Amino acid sequence: MTISASIRSAMRKGLLAVAALSLTAPLAGCGINSVPTKEEAVNAQWANVQSAYQRRADLIPNLVSTVRGAAGSESQILTEVTNARARATSINITSDDLSNPAEFQRFQEAQNQLTQAMGQLRTVVEAYPQLQSQPRFADLMTAIEGSENQINVERIRYNETVQDYNTEIRTFPSIIGAKVVHGAEPRIPFQAAPGSDMAPTVDFGDMGGGARAAAPANDNVGTTRAPAAATN
C-alpha cells in the first residue's frame, strides 16, 4: 500500500510535535516557566507595598497642617515628621533593586524613620485635647492608621511571595532554569527593625505637660514568615 505524500508530511509533523513535547516537558519542570511566574508575583506584590506607603505619605501633609494649626508650639516634631516624609518619598525602589540588600535597606530605614516620627507625633498630640476633638484631625488619624495597617498586610504578603520565589530558585530542578536561563537572584524580605520588640520609653521631663515617646524605629510590622536575606 502506497502512502501519499500528504499523509507522509502529516506523519512527519506529528513526530516532530511529539519530539518537541518530549524536550519541552522536562525543561518546563526546570523553572523555565515557574521562575518568571513567581518573580512577577513578587513584583506585583511590591507594587502593592509601594502603594500602601504612598497612601500614608499622601495623608501626612494634611495631618501636619492640622496639628500646626492647633499645636504650633510643637514645631520641632512637626519638622521632624515633614523631613522624615521627604526622605522616605525620595528613595525609589524598582523591581530590579529588590535583589540589592543595600538599596532595600536604605528604603526600609527611611520608612522606619518616618514611622518613628509619626509615633512621636501621636504621643505629643495627646497633650492637646482641643486637637483630638477636631473631626478633621480624627478623620486624618483614622485614615493614617488604616494605611499603616495596610502597610503591615502588604509587607507580610510581600514576604510570603519572596519566600516562595527564593525557595523556587534554590531548589532542584528549578534551580537549573533559574541560574542557566534566567540568572535569577534572591529577593530581599522586610525585616523587623532592631528594638521593635521593646516598649517605647515615655519622657515627661521637657514637655511642659505633654508626653513624648522615644518610639522604636519599627515600621509597624515585625514581619514575618519570610526568611532572612537568602533570602524596609
Protein backbone atom coordinates (compact mmCIF):
# COMPACT_ATOMS: atom_id res chain seq x y z
CA MET A 1 0.00 0.00 0.00
CA THR A 2 1.42 3.35 -1.03
CA ILE A 3 1.28 6.21 1.43
CA SER A 4 0.57 9.55 -0.19
CA ALA A 5 2.94 12.48 0.17
CA SER A 6 0.37 14.43 2.16
CA ILE A 7 -0.02 11.63 4.66
CA ARG A 8 3.77 11.25 5.00
CA SER A 9 4.04 15.00 5.60
CA ALA A 10 1.37 14.88 8.29
CA MET A 11 3.13 11.96 9.98
CA ARG A 12 6.45 13.82 9.98
CA LYS A 13 4.80 16.86 11.54
CA GLY A 14 3.21 14.67 14.16
CA LEU A 15 6.54 13.05 15.02
CA LEU A 16 8.19 16.45 15.25
CA ALA A 17 5.45 17.66 17.56
CA VAL A 18 5.90 14.63 19.80
CA ALA A 19 9.68 15.18 19.86
CA ALA A 20 9.22 18.83 20.71
CA LEU A 21 6.89 17.97 23.57
CA SER A 22 9.32 15.37 24.88
CA LEU A 23 12.01 18.02 25.02
CA THR A 24 9.99 20.90 26.43
CA ALA A 25 8.28 18.92 29.18
CA PRO A 26 11.50 18.35 31.15
CA LEU A 27 12.53 21.96 30.56
CA ALA A 28 9.22 23.22 31.93
CA GLY A 29 9.98 21.35 35.10
CA CYS A 30 13.36 23.09 35.38
CA GLY A 31 12.00 26.51 36.22
CA ILE A 32 11.66 27.81 32.66
CA ASN A 33 8.11 28.95 33.37
CA SER A 34 7.76 28.77 37.15
CA VAL A 35 10.66 31.10 37.98
CA PRO A 36 9.44 34.10 35.95
CA THR A 37 5.88 33.44 37.12
CA LYS A 38 6.90 33.65 40.77
CA GLU A 39 9.15 36.63 40.05
CA GLU A 40 6.20 38.51 38.57
CA ALA A 41 4.20 37.68 41.71
CA VAL A 42 6.94 39.32 43.80
CA ASN A 43 6.96 42.38 41.55
CA ALA A 44 3.19 42.72 41.69
CA GLN A 45 3.15 42.48 45.46
CA TRP A 46 5.96 45.01 45.71
CA ALA A 47 3.75 47.44 43.80
CA ASN A 48 1.09 46.92 46.47
CA VAL A 49 3.65 47.70 49.18
CA GLN A 50 4.64 50.90 47.43
CA SER A 51 1.01 51.91 47.02
CA ALA A 52 0.36 51.45 50.74
CA TYR A 53 3.40 53.54 51.66
CA GLN A 54 2.38 56.24 49.19
CA ARG A 55 -1.09 56.40 50.70
CA ARG A 56 0.41 57.17 54.10
CA ALA A 57 2.78 59.75 52.64
CA ASP A 58 -0.11 61.50 50.88
CA LEU A 59 -2.01 61.90 54.16
CA ILE A 60 0.85 63.31 56.24
CA PRO A 61 0.98 66.91 54.86
CA ASN A 62 -2.67 67.49 55.79
CA LEU A 63 -2.09 65.99 59.23
CA VAL A 64 0.95 68.21 59.85
CA SER A 65 -1.03 71.27 58.74
CA THR A 66 -3.89 70.41 61.08
CA VAL A 67 -1.60 69.83 64.06
CA ARG A 68 0.33 73.02 63.36
CA GLY A 69 -2.89 75.00 63.49
CA ALA A 70 -3.74 73.74 66.98
CA ALA A 71 -0.31 72.95 68.43
CA GLY A 72 2.10 75.30 66.70
CA SER A 73 4.49 75.14 69.64
CA GLU A 74 5.40 71.59 68.60
CA SER A 75 7.24 72.87 65.55
CA GLN A 76 10.24 70.61 66.16
CA ILE A 77 8.34 67.35 65.95
CA LEU A 78 6.31 68.66 63.01
CA THR A 79 9.55 69.47 61.20
CA GLU A 80 10.89 66.01 62.01
CA VAL A 81 7.79 64.40 60.53
CA THR A 82 7.99 66.56 57.41
CA ASN A 83 11.69 65.84 56.91
CA ALA A 84 11.23 62.11 57.52
CA ARG A 85 8.45 62.05 54.93
CA ALA A 86 10.69 63.82 52.42
CA ARG A 87 13.46 61.26 52.96
CA ALA A 88 11.08 58.32 52.69
CA THR A 89 9.49 59.52 49.46
CA SER A 90 12.84 60.40 47.87
CA ILE A 91 14.01 56.77 47.78
CA ASN A 92 12.52 54.92 44.84
CA ILE A 93 12.98 51.16 44.72
CA THR A 94 12.35 49.41 41.43
CA SER A 95 11.82 45.68 40.98
CA ASP A 96 15.48 45.43 39.91
CA ASP A 97 16.52 46.76 43.34
CA LEU A 98 14.68 44.02 45.21
CA SER A 99 17.81 41.86 44.98
CA ASN A 100 20.09 44.67 46.20
CA PRO A 101 20.42 44.46 50.01
CA ALA A 102 21.96 47.93 50.36
CA GLU A 103 19.23 49.71 48.38
CA PHE A 104 16.47 47.75 50.08
CA GLN A 105 17.90 48.59 53.50
CA ARG A 106 18.02 52.30 52.63
CA PHE A 107 14.35 52.18 51.71
CA GLN A 108 13.34 50.30 54.84
CA GLU A 109 15.36 52.55 57.15
CA ALA A 110 13.81 55.69 55.65
CA GLN A 111 10.31 54.28 56.14
CA ASN A 112 11.19 53.22 59.69
CA GLN A 113 12.34 56.77 60.48
CA LEU A 114 9.04 58.14 59.25
CA THR A 115 7.13 55.63 61.37
CA GLN A 116 9.19 56.67 64.40
CA ALA A 117 8.49 60.35 63.79
CA MET A 118 4.77 59.60 63.45
CA GLY A 119 4.85 57.71 66.73
CA GLN A 120 6.39 60.72 68.46
CA LEU A 121 3.75 62.98 66.93
CA ARG A 122 0.96 60.78 68.22
CA THR A 123 2.36 61.00 71.73
CA VAL A 124 2.73 64.77 71.55
CA VAL A 125 -0.84 65.45 70.41
CA GLU A 126 -2.19 63.63 73.45
CA ALA A 127 -1.37 66.85 75.33
CA TYR A 128 -3.85 68.81 73.18
CA PRO A 129 -7.44 67.72 73.86
CA GLN A 130 -8.76 70.51 71.64
CA LEU A 131 -6.86 68.98 68.72
CA GLN A 132 -8.15 65.49 69.34
CA SER A 133 -11.71 66.79 69.40
CA GLN A 134 -11.44 68.19 65.87
CA PRO A 135 -13.29 65.96 63.36
CA ARG A 136 -10.70 66.69 60.67
CA PHE A 137 -7.85 65.55 62.90
CA ALA A 138 -9.74 62.43 63.96
CA ASP A 139 -10.53 61.56 60.34
CA LEU A 140 -6.89 62.01 59.30
CA MET A 141 -5.60 59.87 62.15
CA THR A 142 -8.12 57.15 61.30
CA ALA A 143 -7.03 57.23 57.66
CA ILE A 144 -3.33 57.10 58.58
CA GLU A 145 -3.87 54.22 60.99
CA GLY A 146 -5.76 52.41 58.24
CA SER A 147 -2.90 53.00 55.80
CA GLU A 148 -0.36 51.73 58.32
CA ASN A 149 -2.41 48.59 58.87
CA GLN A 150 -2.47 48.15 55.10
CA ILE A 151 1.32 48.58 55.00
CA ASN A 152 1.59 45.79 57.54
CA VAL A 153 -0.65 43.50 55.48
CA GLU A 154 1.12 44.20 52.19
CA ARG A 155 4.56 43.68 53.72
CA ILE A 156 3.51 40.30 55.10
CA ARG A 157 2.17 39.30 51.69
CA TYR A 158 5.32 40.56 50.03
CA ASN A 159 7.49 38.47 52.34
CA GLU A 160 5.38 35.43 51.55
CA THR A 161 5.86 35.88 47.80
CA VAL A 162 9.59 36.45 48.35
CA GLN A 163 9.86 33.25 50.35
CA ASP A 164 8.03 31.34 47.62
CA TYR A 165 10.24 32.79 44.88
CA ASN A 166 13.51 32.33 46.78
CA THR A 167 12.63 28.73 47.56
CA GLU A 168 11.82 28.10 43.90
CA ILE A 169 15.14 29.39 42.57
CA ARG A 170 17.19 27.49 45.16
CA THR A 171 15.63 24.05 44.87
CA PHE A 172 16.01 21.32 42.26
CA PRO A 173 15.05 21.15 39.46
CA SER A 174 14.03 24.83 39.14
CA ILE A 175 17.50 25.97 40.14
CA ILE A 176 18.69 24.86 36.69
CA GLY A 177 16.45 27.26 34.81
CA ALA A 178 16.87 29.94 37.46
CA LYS A 179 20.65 30.04 37.07
CA VAL A 180 21.24 28.99 33.47
CA VAL A 181 18.30 30.66 31.73
CA HIS A 182 17.03 33.48 33.94
CA GLY A 183 20.07 34.46 36.00
CA ALA A 184 17.70 34.74 38.96
CA GLU A 185 18.83 36.42 42.18
CA PRO A 186 17.17 36.10 45.61
CA ARG A 187 14.75 38.86 46.59
CA ILE A 188 15.17 40.67 49.90
CA PRO A 189 12.39 40.43 52.50
CA PHE A 190 11.44 43.03 55.07
CA GLN A 191 13.00 42.53 58.48
CA ALA A 192 11.81 43.76 61.87
CA ALA A 193 13.77 46.84 62.92
CA PRO A 194 16.23 46.49 65.84
CA GLY A 195 14.44 47.23 69.10
CA SER A 196 10.97 46.69 67.64
CA ASP A 197 10.26 44.12 70.33
CA MET A 198 10.84 46.67 73.11
CA ALA A 199 8.20 49.01 74.52
CA PRO A 200 8.78 52.75 73.88
CA THR A 201 10.16 54.90 76.69
CA VAL A 202 8.00 57.88 77.64
CA ASP A 203 9.78 61.02 78.85
CA PHE A 204 7.72 63.68 80.63
CA GLY A 205 10.78 65.77 81.52
CA ASP A 206 10.70 68.58 78.98
CA MET A 207 7.18 68.52 77.64
CA GLY A 208 5.58 71.12 79.88
CA GLY A 209 2.64 68.86 80.47
CA GLY A 210 2.88 66.85 77.24
CA ALA A 211 4.25 63.36 76.81
CA ARG A 212 6.81 62.44 74.20
CA ALA A 213 7.79 58.89 73.46
CA ALA A 214 11.02 57.58 72.08
CA ALA A 215 9.31 55.15 69.79
CA PRO A 216 11.40 52.34 68.33
CA ALA A 217 12.30 52.61 64.67
CA ASN A 218 9.78 49.93 63.78
CA ASP A 219 7.78 50.30 60.62
CA ASN A 220 4.69 48.99 62.32
CA VAL A 221 5.49 45.45 61.33
CA GLY A 222 7.59 42.74 62.81
CA THR A 223 7.30 40.66 59.67
CA THR A 224 7.23 37.73 59.18
CA ARG A 225 7.24 34.27 57.92
CA ALA A 226 9.82 35.01 55.27
CA PRO A 227 13.44 34.05 55.95
CA ALA A 228 16.31 36.46 56.27
CA ALA A 229 18.13 37.54 53.15
CA ALA A 230 18.62 34.27 51.43
CA THR A 231 16.73 35.44 51.19
CA ASN A 232 12.18 48.31 54.53
